[in-house]
Protein backbone atom coordinates (compact mmCIF):
# COMPACT_ATOMS: atom_id res chain seq x y z
CA UNK A 1 147.39 18.75 15.60
CA UNK A 2 145.26 21.69 15.27
CA UNK A 3 142.06 21.73 13.28
CA UNK A 4 143.52 24.00 10.58
CA UNK A 5 146.16 21.40 9.72
CA UNK A 6 143.47 18.73 9.46
CA UNK A 7 141.51 20.82 6.95
CA UNK A 8 144.62 21.48 4.86
CA UNK A 9 145.39 17.76 4.75
CA UNK A 10 141.81 16.85 3.75
CA UNK A 11 141.77 19.52 1.03
CA UNK A 12 145.15 18.35 -0.33
CA UNK A 13 144.03 14.71 -0.48
CA UNK A 14 140.86 15.70 -2.31
CA UNK A 15 142.79 17.82 -4.81
CA UNK A 16 145.14 14.90 -5.39
CA UNK A 17 142.29 12.38 -5.90
CA UNK A 18 140.13 14.59 -8.13
CA UNK A 19 142.21 14.14 -11.34
CA UNK A 20 142.35 10.40 -10.70
CA UNK A 21 138.56 10.19 -11.02
CA UNK A 22 138.77 11.82 -14.47
CA UNK A 23 141.48 9.36 -15.54
CA UNK A 24 139.44 6.43 -14.23
CA UNK A 25 136.52 7.54 -16.38
CA UNK A 26 138.75 7.71 -19.47
CA UNK A 27 140.21 4.29 -18.76
CA UNK A 28 136.79 2.60 -18.19
CA UNK A 29 135.24 3.91 -21.45
CA UNK A 30 138.34 3.46 -23.57
CA UNK A 31 138.31 6.87 -25.25
CA UNK A 32 138.97 10.46 -24.41
CA UNK A 33 136.57 13.01 -25.80
CA UNK A 34 138.01 15.40 -28.37
CA UNK A 35 137.36 19.06 -28.22
CA UNK A 36 134.33 20.10 -30.31
CA UNK A 37 134.16 23.35 -32.12
CA UNK A 38 131.04 25.07 -33.30
CA UNK A 39 130.33 26.86 -36.56
CA UNK A 40 129.32 30.12 -34.95
CA UNK A 41 130.94 32.45 -32.48
CA UNK A 42 128.97 32.44 -29.22
CA UNK A 43 130.74 35.23 -27.42
CA UNK A 44 128.01 37.83 -27.91
CA UNK A 45 124.98 35.50 -27.50
CA UNK A 46 123.28 34.32 -24.34
CA UNK A 47 123.13 30.56 -23.84
CA UNK A 48 119.92 30.00 -21.96
CA UNK A 49 117.90 26.78 -21.91
CA UNK A 50 115.28 26.81 -24.65
CA UNK A 51 116.90 29.71 -26.54
CA UNK A 52 117.18 29.73 -30.33
CA UNK A 53 120.99 29.87 -30.11
CA UNK A 54 121.20 26.37 -28.62
CA UNK A 55 118.82 25.02 -31.24
CA UNK A 56 120.81 26.37 -34.19
CA UNK A 57 124.25 25.10 -33.08
CA UNK A 58 125.66 22.36 -35.31
CA UNK A 59 128.65 20.34 -34.10
CA UNK A 60 131.57 20.24 -36.52
CA UNK A 61 133.59 17.42 -34.98
CA UNK A 62 132.08 14.28 -33.50
CA UNK A 63 133.47 12.11 -30.74
CA UNK A 64 135.39 9.28 -32.35
CA UNK A 65 136.89 6.03 -31.10
CA UNK A 66 139.17 4.04 -33.37
CA UNK A 67 138.12 6.19 -36.33
CA UNK A 68 134.38 5.24 -36.14
CA UNK A 69 131.79 7.71 -34.88
CA UNK A 70 129.89 6.75 -31.73
CA UNK A 71 126.67 8.34 -32.92
CA UNK A 72 125.66 10.71 -35.60
CA UNK A 73 123.83 13.87 -34.69
CA UNK A 74 120.52 13.85 -36.55
CA UNK A 75 119.96 16.89 -38.67
CA UNK A 76 116.84 18.86 -37.99
CA UNK A 77 114.20 17.56 -40.32
CA UNK A 78 111.44 19.97 -41.07
CA UNK A 79 107.98 18.61 -41.82
CA UNK A 80 106.35 19.86 -44.97
CA UNK A 81 103.68 22.50 -44.48
CA UNK A 82 101.02 20.17 -45.85
CA UNK A 83 101.79 17.60 -43.15
CA UNK A 84 101.73 20.32 -40.52
CA UNK A 85 98.32 21.55 -41.70
CA UNK A 86 97.00 17.97 -41.80
CA UNK A 87 98.29 17.33 -38.28
CA UNK A 88 96.79 20.58 -37.03
CA UNK A 89 93.41 19.73 -38.54
CA UNK A 90 93.57 16.24 -37.02
CA UNK A 91 94.52 17.81 -33.70
CA UNK A 92 91.56 20.18 -33.91
CA UNK A 93 89.21 17.30 -34.76
CA UNK A 94 90.56 15.22 -31.89
CA UNK A 95 90.23 18.17 -29.49
CA UNK A 96 86.62 18.64 -30.60
CA UNK A 97 85.98 14.93 -30.15
CA UNK A 98 87.50 15.07 -26.65
CA UNK A 99 85.22 18.02 -25.80
CA UNK A 100 82.17 16.13 -27.10
CA UNK A 101 83.15 13.03 -25.17
CA UNK A 102 83.65 15.05 -21.99
CA UNK A 103 80.18 16.62 -22.47
CA UNK A 104 78.70 13.17 -23.03
CA UNK A 105 80.50 11.91 -19.94
CA UNK A 106 79.07 14.75 -17.85
CA UNK A 107 75.56 14.10 -19.15
CA UNK A 108 76.01 10.36 -18.58
CA UNK A 109 77.16 11.00 -15.01
CA UNK A 110 74.13 13.23 -14.44
CA UNK A 111 71.82 10.58 -15.93
CA UNK A 112 73.49 7.95 -13.78
CA UNK A 113 72.94 10.05 -10.65
CA UNK A 114 69.28 10.61 -11.55
CA UNK A 115 68.75 6.90 -12.26
CA UNK A 116 70.53 5.94 -9.07
CA UNK A 117 68.29 8.25 -7.02
CA UNK A 118 65.17 6.92 -8.74
CA UNK A 119 66.38 3.37 -8.12
CA UNK A 120 66.81 4.11 -4.41
CA UNK A 121 63.31 5.63 -4.33
CA UNK A 122 61.95 2.60 -6.17
CA UNK A 123 63.57 0.27 -3.63
CA UNK A 124 61.92 2.23 -0.80
CA UNK A 125 58.59 2.26 -2.61
CA UNK A 126 58.83 -1.45 -3.45
CA UNK A 127 59.42 -2.29 0.21
CA UNK A 128 56.38 -0.19 1.13
CA UNK A 129 54.46 -1.75 -1.78
CA UNK A 130 55.12 -5.28 -0.53
CA UNK A 131 53.87 -4.25 2.93
CA UNK A 132 50.80 -2.66 1.38
CA UNK A 133 50.19 -5.73 -0.77
CA UNK A 134 50.23 -8.04 2.25
CA UNK A 135 47.89 -5.67 4.11
CA UNK A 136 45.65 -5.50 1.04
CA UNK A 137 45.49 -9.31 0.81
CA UNK A 138 44.65 -9.55 4.51
CA UNK A 139 41.93 -6.91 4.28
CA UNK A 140 40.42 -8.46 1.15
CA UNK A 141 40.21 -11.86 2.87
CA UNK A 142 38.64 -10.19 5.92
CA UNK A 143 36.27 -8.26 3.66
CA UNK A 144 35.19 -11.42 1.84
CA UNK A 145 34.51 -13.10 5.21
CA UNK A 146 32.53 -10.06 6.37
CA UNK A 147 30.58 -9.98 3.11
CA UNK A 148 29.64 -13.65 3.57
CA UNK A 149 28.49 -12.90 7.13
CA UNK A 150 26.49 -9.90 5.91
CA UNK A 151 24.83 -11.98 3.18
CA UNK A 152 23.93 -14.69 5.68
CA UNK A 153 22.56 -12.13 8.14
CA UNK A 154 20.54 -10.45 5.39
CA UNK A 155 19.01 -13.81 4.47
CA UNK A 156 18.22 -14.45 8.13
CA UNK A 157 16.70 -10.99 8.48
CA UNK A 158 14.56 -11.38 5.34
CA UNK A 159 13.36 -14.80 6.49
CA UNK A 160 12.59 -13.39 9.95
CA UNK A 161 10.75 -10.44 8.40
CA UNK A 162 8.78 -12.78 6.19
CA UNK A 163 7.90 -14.95 9.16
CA UNK A 164 7.00 -11.87 11.18
CA UNK A 165 4.80 -10.56 8.37
CA UNK A 166 3.10 -13.92 8.09
CA UNK A 167 2.51 -13.98 11.86
CA UNK A 168 1.09 -10.47 11.80
CA UNK A 169 -1.12 -11.41 8.86
CA UNK A 170 -2.43 -14.49 10.64
CA UNK A 171 -2.79 -12.53 13.86
CA UNK A 172 -4.80 -9.92 11.95
CA UNK A 173 -6.94 -12.65 10.38
CA UNK A 174 -7.45 -14.24 13.79
CA UNK A 175 -8.40 -10.89 15.34
CA UNK A 176 -10.76 -10.22 12.44
CA UNK A 177 -12.40 -13.63 12.75
CA UNK A 178 -12.59 -13.32 16.50
CA UNK A 179 -14.14 -9.87 16.16
CA UNK A 180 -16.54 -11.15 13.53
CA UNK A 181 -17.57 -14.06 15.70
CA UNK A 182 -17.97 -11.88 18.79
CA UNK A 183 -19.86 -9.29 16.80
CA UNK A 184 -22.12 -11.86 15.22
CA UNK A 185 -22.89 -13.42 18.59
CA UNK A 186 -23.54 -10.07 20.17
CA UNK A 187 -26.16 -9.16 17.53
CA UNK A 188 -27.91 -12.37 17.95
CA UNK A 189 -28.38 -11.88 21.61
CA UNK A 190 -29.77 -8.42 21.05
CA UNK A 191 -32.27 -9.76 18.60
CA UNK A 192 -33.36 -12.41 20.98
CA UNK A 193 -33.84 -9.98 23.76
CA UNK A 194 -36.15 -7.88 21.56
CA UNK A 195 -38.36 -10.78 20.67
């Protein structure tokens, strides 16, 4: 068989099976939709999604099964103008509150970033501070040891100076006495030689 015959056969089978799918749908649900008619003539209007024409259409006949309606189409309920104005004012208040909260959030994020940076700096400084504190404690202990040594050496020096001053004083006294004795003896000999 040629390929054209195959396509004709496939198309015929599909055309035969297509109405069966519609009947199967009617059999499974148990009802066949009735034709609805609308209250207005739509021949001169455009039916586009979101157009006013589709919003104003009201169905006249509803789908029925066994004489009971499946669902009722809700009529368009209009809110009173007072409720609309109240809702608009609440909406404006809520929008203002959202704006305030978003500003507060931005300022809180900025404060958080600043605090986080200062915390990181503080951690660095605290690590350096602990190092400096240990060095400070070591140097103060060394300084106290050095101060004790200096005090001891100053005491030694003052005692040595005192001893040296005393020695010089006694040396001066001894020289003076020796000179006095030598001078006294030397005069006596001169006097004896003159006599």
